[in-house]
Each structure stands twice: as structure tokens, then as C-alpha cells.
Amino acid sequence: MSKVGEFALTMIQQRLLDKQGNSILVNGCCPGYVDTDMTSHKGPLTPAQGAETPVYLAMLPSHATQPKGQFVFQKKVIDWMTGNAI
């Protein structure tokens, strides 16, 4: 899926949940350029480093209200139009 598609889907899903009165948070994230078979082992990040942001988002406490409908890279919210995610 393209990054723009991921960003759009994240925002749409969050808006739909908000309209339903749900407190579920939906966020998109990028692991970065990780040293894997897919990158021919050229990525500077280890798989463990690439997993930090997805794990961080998955482990947000149940009472968390942010980030919400955002794109997260290196555990920080970035602007999906101008942020560097790779």
C-alpha cells in the first residue's frame, strides 16, 4: 500500500470510529528503512529498532487519547505531507 493510501485510510477509519462514539485510536506508522531481506539488508535499522514504533502504538494505555488518526515515525507524530518517513 502506498504511504498516501495508508495516511488516508488511517484518517478515514479514525473519523468513522469518532462518529460512532468509539474511544479506539487508529494510527499509521512506518518502521523506517530496516535491515531485512526485503531491503537486501541495506537498511540501517535493525528489525528490533523497526519494531519500536508499532509496539509503542500497540502498547498505548487504554485511557490514551493521543496520538489519534495520525502518522507516527520513530515514536513521534509527523506531518504525512512533509514528514520524512523513510
PDB file of N, CA and C in Angstrom:
ATOM      1  N   MET A   1       0.856  -1.168   0.000  1.00  0.00           N
ATOM      2  CA  MET A   1       0.000   0.000   0.000  1.00  0.00           C
ATOM      3  C   MET A   1       0.902   1.231   0.000  1.00  0.00           C
ATOM      4  N   SER A   2       0.532   2.230  -0.747  1.00  0.00           N
ATOM      5  CA  SER A   2       1.320   3.461  -0.770  1.00  0.00           C
ATOM      6  C   SER A   2       1.170   4.200   0.553  1.00  0.00           C
ATOM      7  N   LYS A   3       2.160   5.027   0.858  1.00  0.00           N
ATOM      8  CA  LYS A   3       2.093   5.817   2.101  1.00  0.00           C
ATOM      9  C   LYS A   3       0.871   6.733   2.095  1.00  0.00           C
ATOM     10  N   VAL A   4       0.576   7.376   0.973  1.00  0.00           N
ATOM     11  CA  VAL A   4      -0.586   8.271   0.905  1.00  0.00           C
ATOM     12  C   VAL A   4      -1.866   7.485   1.182  1.00  0.00           C
ATOM     13  N   GLY A   5      -1.962   6.283   0.629  1.00  0.00           N
ATOM     14  CA  GLY A   5      -3.126   5.438   0.885  1.00  0.00           C
ATOM     15  C   GLY A   5      -3.244   5.073   2.352  1.00  0.00           C
ATOM     16  N   GLU A   6      -2.119   4.757   2.968  1.00  0.00           N
ATOM     17  CA  GLU A   6      -2.119   4.429   4.400  1.00  0.00           C
ATOM     18  C   GLU A   6      -2.565   5.626   5.231  1.00  0.00           C
ATOM     19  N   PHE A   7      -2.050   6.805   4.901  1.00  0.00           N
ATOM     20  CA  PHE A   7      -2.431   8.016   5.639  1.00  0.00           C
ATOM     21  C   PHE A   7      -3.929   8.268   5.517  1.00  0.00           C
ATOM     22  N   ALA A   8      -4.441   8.177   4.288  1.00  0.00           N
ATOM     23  CA  ALA A   8      -5.862   8.442   4.052  1.00  0.00           C
ATOM     24  C   ALA A   8      -6.733   7.429   4.796  1.00  0.00           C
ATOM     25  N   LEU A   9      -6.379   6.158   4.712  1.00  0.00           N
ATOM     26  CA  LEU A   9      -7.152   5.117   5.392  1.00  0.00           C
ATOM     27  C   LEU A   9      -7.140   5.320   6.907  1.00  0.00           C
ATOM     28  N   THR A  10      -6.003   5.701   7.448  1.00  0.00           N
ATOM     29  CA  THR A  10      -5.896   5.965   8.889  1.00  0.00           C
ATOM     30  C   THR A  10      -6.861   7.063   9.309  1.00  0.00           C
ATOM     31  N   MET A  11      -6.854   8.167   8.575  1.00  0.00           N
ATOM     32  CA  MET A  11      -7.727   9.294   8.921  1.00  0.00           C
ATOM     33  C   MET A  11      -9.206   8.937   8.763  1.00  0.00           C
ATOM     34  N   ILE A  12      -9.536   8.221   7.689  1.00  0.00           N
ATOM     35  CA  ILE A  12     -10.930   7.821   7.447  1.00  0.00           C
ATOM     36  C   ILE A  12     -11.421   6.890   8.553  1.00  0.00           C
ATOM     37  N   GLN A  13     -10.614   5.891   8.896  1.00  0.00           N
ATOM     38  CA  GLN A  13     -11.029   4.952   9.942  1.00  0.00           C
ATOM     39  C   GLN A  13     -11.225   5.660  11.280  1.00  0.00           C
ATOM     40  N   GLN A  14     -10.332   6.600  11.605  1.00  0.00           N
ATOM     41  CA  GLN A  14     -10.471   7.314  12.874  1.00  0.00           C
ATOM     42  C   GLN A  14     -11.739   8.156  12.888  1.00  0.00           C
ATOM     43  N   ARG A  15     -12.024   8.828  11.795  1.00  0.00           N
ATOM     44  CA  ARG A  15     -13.245   9.649  11.726  1.00  0.00           C
ATOM     45  C   ARG A  15     -14.498   8.800  11.891  1.00  0.00           C
ATOM     46  N   LEU A  16     -14.514   7.627  11.248  1.00  0.00           N
ATOM     47  CA  LEU A  16     -15.674   6.735  11.369  1.00  0.00           C
ATOM     48  C   LEU A  16     -15.860   6.269  12.811  1.00  0.00           C
ATOM     49  N   LEU A  17     -14.778   5.908  13.465  1.00  0.00           N
ATOM     50  CA  LEU A  17     -14.876   5.480  14.866  1.00  0.00           C
ATOM     51  C   LEU A  17     -15.321   6.625  15.764  1.00  0.00           C
ATOM     52  N   ASP A  18     -14.824   7.832  15.495  1.00  0.00           N
ATOM     53  CA  ASP A  18     -15.238   9.002  16.280  1.00  0.00           C
ATOM     54  C   ASP A  18     -16.739   9.250  16.139  1.00  0.00           C
ATOM     55  N   LYS A  19     -17.258   9.124  14.916  1.00  0.00           N
ATOM     56  CA  LYS A  19     -18.692   9.338  14.682  1.00  0.00           C
ATOM     57  C   LYS A  19     -19.539   8.326  15.441  1.00  0.00           C
ATOM     58  N   GLN A  20     -19.006   7.125  15.622  1.00  0.00           N
ATOM     59  CA  GLN A  20     -19.721   6.070  16.342  1.00  0.00           C
ATOM     60  C   GLN A  20     -19.585   6.221  17.859  1.00  0.00           C
ATOM     61  N   GLY A  21     -18.799   7.200  18.293  1.00  0.00           N
ATOM     62  CA  GLY A  21     -18.594   7.399  19.718  1.00  0.00           C
ATOM     63  C   GLY A  21     -17.586   6.448  20.337  1.00  0.00           C
ATOM     64  N   ASN A  22     -16.779   5.833  19.502  1.00  0.00           N
ATOM     65  CA  ASN A  22     -15.760   4.892  19.949  1.00  0.00           C
ATOM     66  C   ASN A  22     -14.548   5.621  20.501  1.00  0.00           C
ATOM     67  N   SER A  23     -13.874   5.025  21.470  1.00  0.00           N
ATOM     68  CA  SER A  23     -12.648   5.618  22.001  1.00  0.00           C
ATOM     69  C   SER A  23     -11.402   4.924  21.452  1.00  0.00           C
ATOM     70  N   ILE A  24     -11.582   4.086  20.434  1.00  0.00           N
ATOM     71  CA  ILE A  24     -10.462   3.377  19.816  1.00  0.00           C
ATOM     72  C   ILE A  24      -9.602   4.370  19.044  1.00  0.00           C
ATOM     73  N   LEU A  25      -8.275   4.221  19.170  1.00  0.00           N
ATOM     74  CA  LEU A  25      -7.335   5.060  18.429  1.00  0.00           C
ATOM     75  C   LEU A  25      -6.828   4.308  17.212  1.00  0.00           C
ATOM     76  N   VAL A  26      -6.800   4.982  16.070  1.00  0.00           N
ATOM     77  CA  VAL A  26      -6.254   4.418  14.842  1.00  0.00           C
ATOM     78  C   VAL A  26      -5.101   5.308  14.412  1.00  0.00           C
ATOM     79  N   ASN A  27      -3.938   4.705  14.207  1.00  0.00           N
ATOM     80  CA  ASN A  27      -2.765   5.443  13.762  1.00  0.00           C
ATOM     81  C   ASN A  27      -2.021   4.626  12.728  1.00  0.00           C
ATOM     82  N   GLY A  28      -1.351   5.311  11.831  1.00  0.00           N
ATOM     83  CA  GLY A  28      -0.476   4.665  10.873  1.00  0.00           C
ATOM     84  C   GLY A  28       0.953   4.846  11.337  1.00  0.00           C
ATOM     85  N   CYS A  29       1.829   3.950  10.898  1.00  0.00           N
ATOM     86  CA  CYS A  29       3.233   4.111  11.274  1.00  0.00           C
ATOM     87  C   CYS A  29       4.139   3.531  10.199  1.00  0.00           C
ATOM     88  N   CYS A  30       5.386   3.927  10.286  1.00  0.00           N
ATOM     89  CA  CYS A  30       6.406   3.426   9.375  1.00  0.00           C
ATOM     90  C   CYS A  30       7.570   2.923  10.221  1.00  0.00           C
ATOM     91  N   PRO A  31       8.044   1.700   9.975  1.00  0.00           N
ATOM     92  CA  PRO A  31       9.164   1.190  10.756  1.00  0.00           C
ATOM     93  C   PRO A  31      10.502   1.815  10.358  1.00  0.00           C
ATOM     94  N   GLY A  32      10.544   2.457   9.209  1.00  0.00           N
ATOM     95  CA  GLY A  32      11.808   3.009   8.709  1.00  0.00           C
ATOM     96  C   GLY A  32      12.472   2.028   7.758  1.00  0.00           C
ATOM     97  N   TYR A  33      13.691   2.331   7.395  1.00  0.00           N
ATOM     98  CA  TYR A  33      14.454   1.520   6.443  1.00  0.00           C
ATOM     99  C   TYR A  33      15.209   0.459   7.242  1.00  0.00           C
ATOM    100  N   VAL A  34      14.606  -0.728   7.318  1.00  0.00           N
ATOM    101  CA  VAL A  34      15.084  -1.790   8.199  1.00  0.00           C
ATOM    102  C   VAL A  34      15.924  -2.804   7.422  1.00  0.00           C
ATOM    103  N   ASP A  35      16.941  -3.317   8.069  1.00  0.00           N
ATOM    104  CA  ASP A  35      17.840  -4.328   7.515  1.00  0.00           C
ATOM    105  C   ASP A  35      17.102  -5.673   7.470  1.00  0.00           C
ATOM    106  N   THR A  36      16.454  -5.944   6.326  1.00  0.00           N
ATOM    107  CA  THR A  36      15.704  -7.188   6.138  1.00  0.00           C
ATOM    108  C   THR A  36      15.966  -7.729   4.743  1.00  0.00           C
ATOM    109  N   ASP A  37      15.449  -8.917   4.461  1.00  0.00           N
ATOM    110  CA  ASP A  37      15.552  -9.471   3.109  1.00  0.00           C
ATOM    111  C   ASP A  37      14.924  -8.526   2.091  1.00  0.00           C
ATOM    112  N   MET A  38      13.805  -7.906   2.479  1.00  0.00           N
ATOM    113  CA  MET A  38      13.076  -7.014   1.568  1.00  0.00           C
ATOM    114  C   MET A  38      13.927  -5.818   1.122  1.00  0.00           C
ATOM    115  N   THR A  39      14.840  -5.365   1.973  1.00  0.00           N
ATOM    116  CA  THR A  39      15.700  -4.221   1.629  1.00  0.00           C
ATOM    117  C   THR A  39      17.093  -4.682   1.204  1.00  0.00           C
ATOM    118  N   SER A  40      17.237  -5.964   0.910  1.00  0.00           N
ATOM    119  CA  SER A  40      18.541  -6.556   0.567  1.00  0.00           C
ATOM    120  C   SER A  40      19.577  -6.258   1.652  1.00  0.00           C
ATOM    121  N   HIS A  41      19.109  -6.174   2.871  1.00  0.00           N
ATOM    122  CA  HIS A  41      19.946  -5.929   4.051  1.00  0.00           C
ATOM    123  C   HIS A  41      20.747  -4.637   3.947  1.00  0.00           C
ATOM    124  N   LYS A  42      20.137  -3.629   3.336  1.00  0.00           N
ATOM    125  CA  LYS A  42      20.796  -2.325   3.199  1.00  0.00           C
ATOM    126  C   LYS A  42      20.275  -1.293   4.191  1.00  0.00           C
ATOM    127  N   GLY A  43      19.204  -1.610   4.895  1.00  0.00           N
ATOM    128  CA  GLY A  43      18.635  -0.661   5.850  1.00  0.00           C
ATOM    129  C   GLY A  43      19.542  -0.479   7.058  1.00  0.00           C
ATOM    130  N   PRO A  44      19.633   0.739   7.580  1.00  0.00           N
ATOM    131  CA  PRO A  44      20.491   0.999   8.742  1.00  0.00           C
ATOM    132  C   PRO A  44      19.872   0.569  10.077  1.00  0.00           C
ATOM    133  N   LEU A  45      18.569   0.292  10.088  1.00  0.00           N
ATOM    134  CA  LEU A  45      17.896  -0.075  11.336  1.00  0.00           C
ATOM    135  C   LEU A  45      17.807  -1.589  11.492  1.00  0.00           C
ATOM    136  N   THR A  46      17.941  -2.054  12.713  1.00  0.00           N
ATOM    137  CA  THR A  46      17.740  -3.477  12.990  1.00  0.00           C
ATOM    138  C   THR A  46      16.234  -3.755  13.008  1.00  0.00           C
ATOM    139  N   PRO A  47      15.835  -5.011  12.844  1.00  0.00           N
ATOM    140  CA  PRO A  47      14.413  -5.317  12.964  1.00  0.00           C
ATOM    141  C   PRO A  47      13.840  -4.878  14.316  1.00  0.00           C
ATOM    142  N   ALA A  48      14.609  -5.013  15.379  1.00  0.00           N
ATOM    143  CA  ALA A  48      14.128  -4.578  16.701  1.00  0.00           C
ATOM    144  C   ALA A  48      13.879  -3.071  16.719  1.00  0.00           C
ATOM    145  N   GLN A  49      14.766  -2.306  16.102  1.00  0.00           N
ATOM    146  CA  GLN A  49      14.565  -0.854  16.040  1.00  0.00           C
ATOM    147  C   GLN A  49      13.335  -0.518  15.201  1.00  0.00           C
ATOM    148  N   GLY A  50      13.139  -1.233  14.096  1.00  0.00           N
ATOM    149  CA  GLY A  50      11.977  -1.002  13.247  1.00  0.00           C
ATOM    150  C   GLY A  50      10.670  -1.339  13.944  1.00  0.00           C
ATOM    151  N   ALA A  51      10.727  -2.265  14.888  1.00  0.00           N
ATOM    152  CA  ALA A  51       9.524  -2.683  15.613  1.00  0.00           C
ATOM    153  C   ALA A  51       9.147  -1.729  16.742  1.00  0.00           C
ATOM    154  N   GLU A  52      10.038  -0.817  17.124  1.00  0.00           N
ATOM    155  CA  GLU A  52       9.778   0.045  18.283  1.00  0.00           C
ATOM    156  C   GLU A  52       8.494   0.865  18.149  1.00  0.00           C
ATOM    157  N   THR A  53       8.272   1.505  17.004  1.00  0.00           N
ATOM    158  CA  THR A  53       7.084   2.351  16.854  1.00  0.00           C
ATOM    159  C   THR A  53       5.790   1.536  16.810  1.00  0.00           C
ATOM    160  N   PRO A  54       5.714   0.459  16.018  1.00  0.00           N
ATOM    161  CA  PRO A  54       4.479  -0.333  16.054  1.00  0.00           C
ATOM    162  C   PRO A  54       4.175  -0.887  17.454  1.00  0.00           C
ATOM    163  N   VAL A  55       5.195  -1.329  18.171  1.00  0.00           N
ATOM    164  CA  VAL A  55       4.984  -1.848  19.529  1.00  0.00           C
ATOM    165  C   VAL A  55       4.550  -0.720  20.462  1.00  0.00           C
ATOM    166  N   TYR A  56       5.180   0.437  20.333  1.00  0.00           N
ATOM    167  CA  TYR A  56       4.799   1.611  21.134  1.00  0.00           C
ATOM    168  C   TYR A  56       3.312   1.917  20.950  1.00  0.00           C
ATOM    169  N   LEU A  57       2.850   1.941  19.698  1.00  0.00           N
ATOM    170  CA  LEU A  57       1.443   2.243  19.428  1.00  0.00           C
ATOM    171  C   LEU A  57       0.519   1.148  19.961  1.00  0.00           C
ATOM    172  N   ALA A  58       0.924  -0.101  19.789  1.00  0.00           N
ATOM    173  CA  ALA A  58       0.096  -1.215  20.268  1.00  0.00           C
ATOM    174  C   ALA A  58      -0.011  -1.239  21.789  1.00  0.00           C
ATOM    175  N   MET A  59       0.977  -0.689  22.466  1.00  0.00           N
ATOM    176  CA  MET A  59       1.011  -0.731  23.928  1.00  0.00           C
ATOM    177  C   MET A  59       0.524   0.557  24.589  1.00  0.00           C
ATOM    178  N   LEU A  60      -0.063   1.473  23.809  1.00  0.00           N
ATOM    179  CA  LEU A  60      -0.614   2.682  24.424  1.00  0.00           C
ATOM    180  C   LEU A  60      -1.638   2.277  25.478  1.00  0.00           C
ATOM    181  N   PRO A  61      -1.671   2.972  26.608  1.00  0.00           N
ATOM    182  CA  PRO A  61      -2.650   2.609  27.638  1.00  0.00           C
ATOM    183  C   PRO A  61      -4.082   2.804  27.147  1.00  0.00           C
ATOM    184  N   SER A  62      -4.998   2.064  27.722  1.00  0.00           N
ATOM    185  CA  SER A  62      -6.393   2.111  27.273  1.00  0.00           C
ATOM    186  C   SER A  62      -7.027   3.488  27.450  1.00  0.00           C
ATOM    187  N   HIS A  63      -6.500   4.307  28.330  1.00  0.00           N
ATOM    188  CA  HIS A  63      -7.041   5.653  28.550  1.00  0.00           C
ATOM    189  C   HIS A  63      -6.365   6.718  27.672  1.00  0.00           C
ATOM    190  N   ALA A  64      -5.431   6.311  26.806  1.00  0.00           N
ATOM    191  CA  ALA A  64      -4.725   7.272  25.946  1.00  0.00           C
ATOM    192  C   ALA A  64      -5.705   7.959  24.993  1.00  0.00           C
ATOM    193  N   THR A  65      -5.466   9.218  24.730  1.00  0.00           N
ATOM    194  CA  THR A  65      -6.298   9.978  23.785  1.00  0.00           C
ATOM    195  C   THR A  65      -5.489  10.465  22.587  1.00  0.00           C
ATOM    196  N   GLN A  66      -4.185  10.310  22.636  1.00  0.00           N
ATOM    197  CA  GLN A  66      -3.291  10.724  21.558  1.00  0.00           C
ATOM    198  C   GLN A  66      -2.152   9.721  21.461  1.00  0.00           C
ATOM    199  N   PRO A  67      -1.554   9.539  20.307  1.00  0.00           N
ATOM    200  CA  PRO A  67      -1.934  10.109  19.023  1.00  0.00           C
ATOM    201  C   PRO A  67      -3.236   9.489  18.522  1.00  0.00           C
ATOM    202  N   LYS A  68      -3.921  10.234  17.688  1.00  0.00           N
ATOM    203  CA  LYS A  68      -5.245   9.820  17.217  1.00  0.00           C
ATOM    204  C   LYS A  68      -5.400  10.200  15.750  1.00  0.00           C
ATOM    205  N   GLY A  69      -5.499   9.181  14.872  1.00  0.00           N
ATOM    206  CA  GLY A  69      -5.652   9.432  13.447  1.00  0.00           C
ATOM    207  C   GLY A  69      -4.418  10.064  12.834  1.00  0.00           C
ATOM    208  N   GLN A  70      -3.261   9.748  13.395  1.00  0.00           N
ATOM    209  CA  GLN A  70      -2.008  10.377  12.978  1.00  0.00           C
ATOM    210  C   GLN A  70      -1.082   9.370  12.308  1.00  0.00           C
ATOM    211  N   PHE A  71       0.024   9.892  11.770  1.00  0.00           N
ATOM    212  CA  PHE A  71       1.084   9.053  11.235  1.00  0.00           C
ATOM    213  C   PHE A  71       2.275   9.191  12.164  1.00  0.00           C
ATOM    214  N   VAL A  72       2.809   8.059  12.602  1.00  0.00           N
ATOM    215  CA  VAL A  72       3.866   8.053  13.612  1.00  0.00           C
ATOM    216  C   VAL A  72       5.118   7.399  13.041  1.00  0.00           C
ATOM    217  N   PHE A  73       6.248   8.061  13.239  1.00  0.00           N
ATOM    218  CA  PHE A  73       7.555   7.573  12.795  1.00  0.00           C
ATOM    219  C   PHE A  73       8.540   7.827  13.923  1.00  0.00           C
ATOM    220  N   GLN A  74       9.285   6.808  14.303  1.00  0.00           N
ATOM    221  CA  GLN A  74      10.230   6.891  15.416  1.00  0.00           C
ATOM    222  C   GLN A  74       9.545   7.409  16.685  1.00  0.00           C
ATOM    223  N   LYS A  75       8.350   6.894  16.924  1.00  0.00           N
ATOM    224  CA  LYS A  75       7.523   7.200  18.098  1.00  0.00           C
ATOM    225  C   LYS A  75       7.137   8.674  18.205  1.00  0.00           C
ATOM    226  N   LYS A  76       7.145   9.375  17.083  1.00  0.00           N
ATOM    227  CA  LYS A  76       6.725  10.777  17.058  1.00  0.00           C
ATOM    228  C   LYS A  76       5.726  10.978  15.928  1.00  0.00           C
ATOM    229  N   VAL A  77       4.727  11.828  16.177  1.00  0.00           N
ATOM    230  CA  VAL A  77       3.760  12.177  15.139  1.00  0.00           C
ATOM    231  C   VAL A  77       4.470  13.057  14.124  1.00  0.00           C
ATOM    232  N   ILE A  78       4.307  12.706  12.836  1.00  0.00           N
ATOM    233  CA  ILE A  78       4.885  13.531  11.779  1.00  0.00           C
ATOM    234  C   ILE A  78       3.790  13.962  10.817  1.00  0.00           C
ATOM    235  N   ASP A  79       4.040  15.044  10.126  1.00  0.00           N
ATOM    236  CA  ASP A  79       3.119  15.528   9.097  1.00  0.00           C
ATOM    237  C   ASP A  79       3.232  14.588   7.905  1.00  0.00           C
ATOM    238  N   TRP A  80       2.126  13.969   7.538  1.00  0.00           N
ATOM    239  CA  TRP A  80       2.177  12.974   6.462  1.00  0.00           C
ATOM    240  C   TRP A  80       2.520  13.578   5.114  1.00  0.00           C
ATOM    241  N   MET A  81       2.332  14.878   4.946  1.00  0.00           N
ATOM    242  CA  MET A  81       2.651  15.504   3.658  1.00  0.00           C
ATOM    243  C   MET A  81       4.106  15.950   3.584  1.00  0.00           C
ATOM    244  N   THR A  82       4.682  16.357   4.697  1.00  0.00           N
ATOM    245  CA  THR A  82       6.040  16.894   4.659  1.00  0.00           C
ATOM    246  C   THR A  82       7.026  16.092   5.486  1.00  0.00           C
ATOM    247  N   GLY A  83       6.537  15.158   6.297  1.00  0.00           N
ATOM    248  CA  GLY A  83       7.430  14.389   7.159  1.00  0.00           C
ATOM    249  C   GLY A  83       8.232  13.365   6.384  1.00  0.00           C
ATOM    250  N   ASN A  84       9.452  13.149   6.832  1.00  0.00           N
ATOM    251  CA  ASN A  84      10.321  12.161   6.212  1.00  0.00           C
ATOM    252  C   ASN A  84      10.132  10.834   6.931  1.00  0.00           C
ATOM    253  N   ALA A  85       9.539   9.876   6.256  1.00  0.00           N
ATOM    254  CA  ALA A  85       9.254   8.588   6.886  1.00  0.00           C
ATOM    255  C   ALA A  85      10.164   7.477   6.397  1.00  0.00           C
ATOM    256  N   ILE A  86      11.071   7.775   5.535  1.00  0.00           N
ATOM    257  CA  ILE A  86      11.999   6.740   5.059  1.00  0.00           C
ATOM    258  C   ILE A  86      13.414   7.259   5.161  1.00  0.00           C
TER     259      ILE A  86
END
